[in-house]
């Protein structure tokens, strides 16, 4: 496994051809989420997620999932619709009642 510390709170983990990016926020590099198969946003602060960073990741890999809190997914779902290709749509998957996390992904 390769772990790369990006600027501020962002971390990139790569293993067996899969990439997870954690917290690509406003202080992270513009391409911090590019090439990610999954992105984890731990909470709502701007230094842990930034729409442009997430959009770049989604545009580079529309099949990538973003794992986050339901409250963050609600904030981002409209923005992600714009990040998906015209034939795709952003789908926030609400968590079961007993869980606090959900995913947002572009679905063809």
N, C-alpha and C. Protein backbone atom coordinates (compact mmCIF):
# COMPACT_ATOMS: atom_id res chain seq x y z
N UNK A 1 0.85 -1.17 0.00
CA UNK A 1 0.00 0.00 0.00
C UNK A 1 0.90 1.23 0.00
N UNK A 2 0.47 2.22 -0.79
CA UNK A 2 1.20 3.48 -0.83
C UNK A 2 0.31 4.57 -0.24
N UNK A 3 0.85 5.28 0.73
CA UNK A 3 0.14 6.38 1.38
C UNK A 3 0.86 7.67 1.03
N UNK A 4 0.10 8.64 0.47
CA UNK A 4 0.67 9.93 0.13
C UNK A 4 -0.06 11.02 0.88
N UNK A 5 0.66 11.79 1.68
CA UNK A 5 0.06 12.91 2.39
C UNK A 5 0.04 14.09 1.45
N UNK A 6 -1.15 14.61 1.19
CA UNK A 6 -1.30 15.81 0.38
C UNK A 6 -1.36 17.00 1.32
N UNK A 7 -1.60 18.19 0.76
CA UNK A 7 -1.64 19.39 1.56
C UNK A 7 -2.79 19.36 2.56
N UNK A 8 -2.55 19.87 3.73
CA UNK A 8 -3.49 19.99 4.84
C UNK A 8 -4.03 18.63 5.25
N UNK A 9 -5.33 18.39 5.11
CA UNK A 9 -5.96 17.18 5.65
C UNK A 9 -6.04 16.04 4.65
N UNK A 10 -5.63 16.23 3.41
CA UNK A 10 -5.83 15.25 2.35
C UNK A 10 -4.78 14.14 2.38
N UNK A 11 -5.29 12.90 2.23
CA UNK A 11 -4.42 11.72 2.16
C UNK A 11 -4.88 10.88 0.98
N UNK A 12 -3.92 10.29 0.27
CA UNK A 12 -4.21 9.42 -0.87
C UNK A 12 -3.63 8.03 -0.57
N UNK A 13 -4.48 7.01 -0.64
CA UNK A 13 -4.07 5.63 -0.41
C UNK A 13 -4.22 4.85 -1.71
N UNK A 14 -3.18 4.13 -2.10
CA UNK A 14 -3.22 3.33 -3.32
C UNK A 14 -2.78 1.91 -3.01
N UNK A 15 -3.59 0.95 -3.49
CA UNK A 15 -3.26 -0.46 -3.29
C UNK A 15 -3.93 -1.27 -4.38
N UNK A 16 -3.17 -2.17 -4.98
CA UNK A 16 -3.69 -3.08 -5.99
C UNK A 16 -4.48 -2.37 -7.09
N UNK A 17 -3.97 -1.23 -7.53
CA UNK A 17 -4.60 -0.50 -8.62
C UNK A 17 -5.83 0.30 -8.24
N UNK A 18 -6.16 0.36 -6.97
CA UNK A 18 -7.31 1.12 -6.48
C UNK A 18 -6.81 2.31 -5.67
N UNK A 19 -7.52 3.43 -5.77
CA UNK A 19 -7.10 4.65 -5.08
C UNK A 19 -8.24 5.21 -4.25
N UNK A 20 -7.96 5.49 -3.00
CA UNK A 20 -8.88 6.16 -2.08
C UNK A 20 -8.27 7.49 -1.71
N UNK A 21 -9.04 8.57 -1.83
CA UNK A 21 -8.59 9.89 -1.42
C UNK A 21 -9.47 10.34 -0.26
N UNK A 22 -8.84 10.82 0.79
CA UNK A 22 -9.55 11.26 1.99
C UNK A 22 -9.41 12.77 2.13
N UNK A 23 -10.54 13.44 2.25
CA UNK A 23 -10.62 14.88 2.56
C UNK A 23 -9.86 15.80 1.60
N UNK A 24 -10.24 15.81 0.31
CA UNK A 24 -9.62 16.77 -0.62
C UNK A 24 -10.28 18.14 -0.48
N UNK A 25 -9.80 18.91 0.44
CA UNK A 25 -10.41 20.21 0.76
C UNK A 25 -9.81 21.37 0.01
N UNK A 26 -10.23 22.55 0.40
CA UNK A 26 -9.85 23.78 -0.28
C UNK A 26 -8.33 24.02 -0.27
N UNK A 27 -7.63 23.51 0.72
CA UNK A 27 -6.18 23.72 0.79
C UNK A 27 -5.40 22.61 0.09
N UNK A 28 -6.10 21.60 -0.42
CA UNK A 28 -5.45 20.49 -1.12
C UNK A 28 -5.12 20.89 -2.55
N UNK A 29 -4.25 20.12 -3.17
CA UNK A 29 -3.91 20.35 -4.56
C UNK A 29 -5.18 20.23 -5.43
N UNK A 30 -5.22 20.98 -6.52
CA UNK A 30 -6.40 20.97 -7.39
C UNK A 30 -6.70 19.58 -7.93
N UNK A 31 -5.68 18.77 -8.15
CA UNK A 31 -5.88 17.43 -8.71
C UNK A 31 -5.85 16.33 -7.63
N UNK A 32 -6.05 16.70 -6.39
CA UNK A 32 -5.93 15.74 -5.29
C UNK A 32 -6.83 14.52 -5.46
N UNK A 33 -8.03 14.68 -6.03
CA UNK A 33 -8.96 13.57 -6.16
C UNK A 33 -8.96 12.94 -7.56
N UNK A 34 -8.18 13.49 -8.47
CA UNK A 34 -8.15 12.96 -9.83
C UNK A 34 -7.58 11.55 -9.81
N UNK A 35 -8.26 10.62 -10.46
CA UNK A 35 -7.83 9.23 -10.51
C UNK A 35 -8.31 8.39 -9.36
N UNK A 36 -9.08 8.97 -8.47
CA UNK A 36 -9.59 8.23 -7.31
C UNK A 36 -10.73 7.30 -7.72
N UNK A 37 -10.73 6.11 -7.14
CA UNK A 37 -11.86 5.19 -7.30
C UNK A 37 -12.92 5.48 -6.25
N UNK A 38 -12.48 6.01 -5.13
CA UNK A 38 -13.39 6.39 -4.04
C UNK A 38 -12.79 7.59 -3.31
N UNK A 39 -13.69 8.43 -2.81
CA UNK A 39 -13.29 9.62 -2.06
C UNK A 39 -14.07 9.60 -0.75
N UNK A 40 -13.36 9.78 0.35
CA UNK A 40 -13.99 9.85 1.66
C UNK A 40 -13.92 11.29 2.16
N UNK A 41 -15.09 11.85 2.47
CA UNK A 41 -15.16 13.18 3.08
C UNK A 41 -15.62 12.97 4.51
N UNK A 42 -14.76 13.29 5.46
CA UNK A 42 -15.05 12.95 6.86
C UNK A 42 -16.04 13.88 7.52
N UNK A 43 -16.06 15.15 7.08
CA UNK A 43 -17.03 16.08 7.66
C UNK A 43 -17.16 17.33 6.81
N UNK A 44 -17.98 18.26 7.25
CA UNK A 44 -18.46 19.36 6.42
C UNK A 44 -17.53 20.56 6.27
N UNK A 45 -16.44 20.64 6.96
CA UNK A 45 -15.59 21.83 6.87
C UNK A 45 -14.92 21.95 5.50
N UNK A 46 -14.78 23.20 5.02
CA UNK A 46 -14.23 23.44 3.69
C UNK A 46 -12.81 22.91 3.52
N UNK A 47 -12.09 22.78 4.60
CA UNK A 47 -10.73 22.27 4.48
C UNK A 47 -10.71 20.74 4.33
N UNK A 48 -11.88 20.11 4.37
CA UNK A 48 -11.98 18.66 4.19
C UNK A 48 -12.73 18.27 2.93
N UNK A 49 -13.50 19.18 2.37
CA UNK A 49 -14.05 18.95 1.03
C UNK A 49 -14.23 20.28 0.32
N UNK A 50 -14.00 20.23 -0.97
CA UNK A 50 -14.15 21.41 -1.81
C UNK A 50 -14.78 20.93 -3.11
N UNK A 51 -15.83 21.60 -3.54
CA UNK A 51 -16.57 21.16 -4.72
C UNK A 51 -15.67 20.98 -5.93
N UNK A 52 -14.77 21.92 -6.17
CA UNK A 52 -13.90 21.83 -7.35
C UNK A 52 -13.00 20.60 -7.30
N UNK A 53 -12.50 20.26 -6.12
CA UNK A 53 -11.64 19.07 -6.00
C UNK A 53 -12.45 17.82 -6.29
N UNK A 54 -13.66 17.76 -5.73
CA UNK A 54 -14.53 16.60 -5.95
C UNK A 54 -14.99 16.53 -7.41
N UNK A 55 -15.32 17.67 -7.97
CA UNK A 55 -15.74 17.71 -9.38
C UNK A 55 -14.63 17.18 -10.29
N UNK A 56 -13.39 17.58 -10.05
CA UNK A 56 -12.27 17.10 -10.86
C UNK A 56 -12.14 15.58 -10.75
N UNK A 57 -12.32 15.05 -9.55
CA UNK A 57 -12.26 13.60 -9.37
C UNK A 57 -13.39 12.88 -10.09
N UNK A 58 -14.60 13.45 -10.03
CA UNK A 58 -15.76 12.84 -10.68
C UNK A 58 -15.65 12.94 -12.21
N UNK A 59 -15.13 14.05 -12.71
CA UNK A 59 -14.98 14.19 -14.16
C UNK A 59 -13.93 13.21 -14.69
N UNK A 60 -12.87 13.00 -13.92
CA UNK A 60 -11.81 12.08 -14.35
C UNK A 60 -12.26 10.63 -14.27
N UNK A 61 -13.16 10.32 -13.33
CA UNK A 61 -13.66 8.95 -13.16
C UNK A 61 -15.12 9.01 -12.72
N UNK A 62 -16.06 9.11 -13.67
CA UNK A 62 -17.48 9.21 -13.30
C UNK A 62 -17.99 8.04 -12.47
N UNK A 63 -17.28 6.92 -12.48
CA UNK A 63 -17.70 5.77 -11.69
C UNK A 63 -17.23 5.82 -10.24
N UNK A 64 -16.45 6.83 -9.91
CA UNK A 64 -15.94 6.95 -8.54
C UNK A 64 -17.10 7.22 -7.58
N UNK A 65 -16.97 6.72 -6.38
CA UNK A 65 -17.96 6.98 -5.34
C UNK A 65 -17.38 7.95 -4.33
N UNK A 66 -18.25 8.75 -3.77
CA UNK A 66 -17.85 9.63 -2.69
C UNK A 66 -18.59 9.16 -1.45
N UNK A 67 -17.83 8.80 -0.44
CA UNK A 67 -18.40 8.33 0.83
C UNK A 67 -18.35 9.49 1.81
N UNK A 68 -19.47 9.75 2.45
CA UNK A 68 -19.52 10.90 3.32
C UNK A 68 -20.71 10.81 4.27
N UNK A 69 -20.87 11.81 5.09
CA UNK A 69 -22.03 11.92 5.96
C UNK A 69 -23.24 12.32 5.12
N UNK A 70 -24.40 11.94 5.54
CA UNK A 70 -25.62 12.28 4.81
C UNK A 70 -25.74 13.79 4.63
N UNK A 71 -25.37 14.57 5.62
CA UNK A 71 -25.50 16.03 5.52
C UNK A 71 -24.60 16.60 4.43
N UNK A 72 -23.41 16.03 4.24
CA UNK A 72 -22.52 16.49 3.18
C UNK A 72 -23.09 16.06 1.82
N UNK A 73 -23.60 14.85 1.74
CA UNK A 73 -24.18 14.36 0.48
C UNK A 73 -25.33 15.24 0.02
N UNK A 74 -26.13 15.68 0.95
CA UNK A 74 -27.25 16.57 0.61
C UNK A 74 -26.72 17.87 0.03
N UNK A 75 -25.67 18.42 0.61
CA UNK A 75 -25.09 19.67 0.13
C UNK A 75 -24.50 19.52 -1.27
N UNK A 76 -23.94 18.36 -1.55
CA UNK A 76 -23.21 18.17 -2.79
C UNK A 76 -24.01 17.57 -3.93
N UNK A 77 -25.17 16.99 -3.67
CA UNK A 77 -25.86 16.24 -4.72
C UNK A 77 -26.16 17.11 -5.94
N UNK A 78 -26.58 18.33 -5.77
CA UNK A 78 -26.84 19.21 -6.92
C UNK A 78 -25.55 19.52 -7.67
N UNK A 79 -24.49 19.77 -6.94
CA UNK A 79 -23.20 20.06 -7.58
C UNK A 79 -22.70 18.86 -8.35
N UNK A 80 -22.92 17.66 -7.83
CA UNK A 80 -22.44 16.45 -8.49
C UNK A 80 -23.22 16.18 -9.75
N UNK A 81 -24.49 16.55 -9.76
CA UNK A 81 -25.26 16.39 -10.99
C UNK A 81 -24.55 17.12 -12.13
N UNK A 82 -24.02 18.29 -11.83
CA UNK A 82 -23.31 19.07 -12.83
C UNK A 82 -21.96 18.43 -13.17
N UNK A 83 -21.38 17.68 -12.24
CA UNK A 83 -20.08 17.06 -12.48
C UNK A 83 -20.18 15.80 -13.32
N UNK A 84 -21.35 15.19 -13.35
CA UNK A 84 -21.54 13.96 -14.13
C UNK A 84 -21.63 14.29 -15.61
N UNK A 85 -21.40 13.30 -16.43
CA UNK A 85 -21.56 13.50 -17.87
C UNK A 85 -23.04 13.75 -18.15
N UNK A 86 -23.37 14.34 -19.30
CA UNK A 86 -24.77 14.66 -19.58
C UNK A 86 -25.70 13.45 -19.52
N UNK A 87 -25.20 12.26 -19.82
CA UNK A 87 -26.06 11.08 -19.81
C UNK A 87 -26.09 10.39 -18.46
N UNK A 88 -25.40 10.96 -17.49
CA UNK A 88 -25.34 10.35 -16.17
C UNK A 88 -26.08 11.22 -15.17
N UNK A 89 -26.30 10.67 -13.99
CA UNK A 89 -26.93 11.46 -12.94
C UNK A 89 -26.26 11.15 -11.61
N UNK A 90 -26.24 12.13 -10.75
CA UNK A 90 -25.67 11.93 -9.42
C UNK A 90 -26.74 11.33 -8.54
N UNK A 91 -26.37 10.31 -7.81
CA UNK A 91 -27.34 9.64 -6.97
C UNK A 91 -26.82 9.56 -5.55
N UNK A 92 -27.38 10.35 -4.62
CA UNK A 92 -26.99 10.15 -3.23
C UNK A 92 -27.72 8.93 -2.70
N UNK A 93 -26.99 8.04 -2.07
CA UNK A 93 -27.58 6.84 -1.48
C UNK A 93 -27.68 7.06 0.02
N UNK A 94 -28.90 7.32 0.52
CA UNK A 94 -29.02 7.57 1.95
C UNK A 94 -28.66 6.33 2.75
N UNK A 95 -28.12 6.54 3.91
CA UNK A 95 -27.73 5.41 4.74
C UNK A 95 -28.95 4.75 5.38
N UNK A 96 -28.83 3.48 5.74
CA UNK A 96 -29.89 2.88 6.55
C UNK A 96 -30.02 3.66 7.86
N UNK A 97 -31.14 3.54 8.49
CA UNK A 97 -31.40 4.33 9.71
C UNK A 97 -30.32 4.16 10.76
N UNK A 98 -29.68 3.00 10.79
CA UNK A 98 -28.68 2.74 11.83
C UNK A 98 -27.28 3.21 11.45
N UNK A 99 -27.13 3.79 10.24
CA UNK A 99 -25.80 4.21 9.81
C UNK A 99 -25.81 5.69 9.47
N UNK A 100 -24.64 6.32 9.56
CA UNK A 100 -24.57 7.76 9.34
C UNK A 100 -23.84 8.12 8.05
N UNK A 101 -23.44 7.14 7.27
CA UNK A 101 -22.70 7.45 6.06
C UNK A 101 -23.53 7.11 4.84
N UNK A 102 -23.22 7.76 3.74
CA UNK A 102 -23.87 7.44 2.47
C UNK A 102 -22.87 7.67 1.35
N UNK A 103 -23.27 7.35 0.15
CA UNK A 103 -22.39 7.56 -1.00
C UNK A 103 -23.07 8.45 -2.03
N UNK A 104 -22.26 9.08 -2.84
CA UNK A 104 -22.74 9.83 -3.99
C UNK A 104 -21.89 9.36 -5.16
N UNK A 105 -22.55 8.98 -6.24
CA UNK A 105 -21.79 8.55 -7.40
C UNK A 105 -22.50 8.98 -8.67
N UNK A 106 -21.74 9.06 -9.75
CA UNK A 106 -22.32 9.33 -11.05
C UNK A 106 -22.73 8.00 -11.66
N UNK A 107 -23.97 7.91 -12.06
CA UNK A 107 -24.50 6.66 -12.60
C UNK A 107 -24.85 6.86 -14.06
N UNK A 108 -24.27 6.06 -14.97
CA UNK A 108 -24.60 6.22 -16.39
C UNK A 108 -26.05 5.90 -16.65
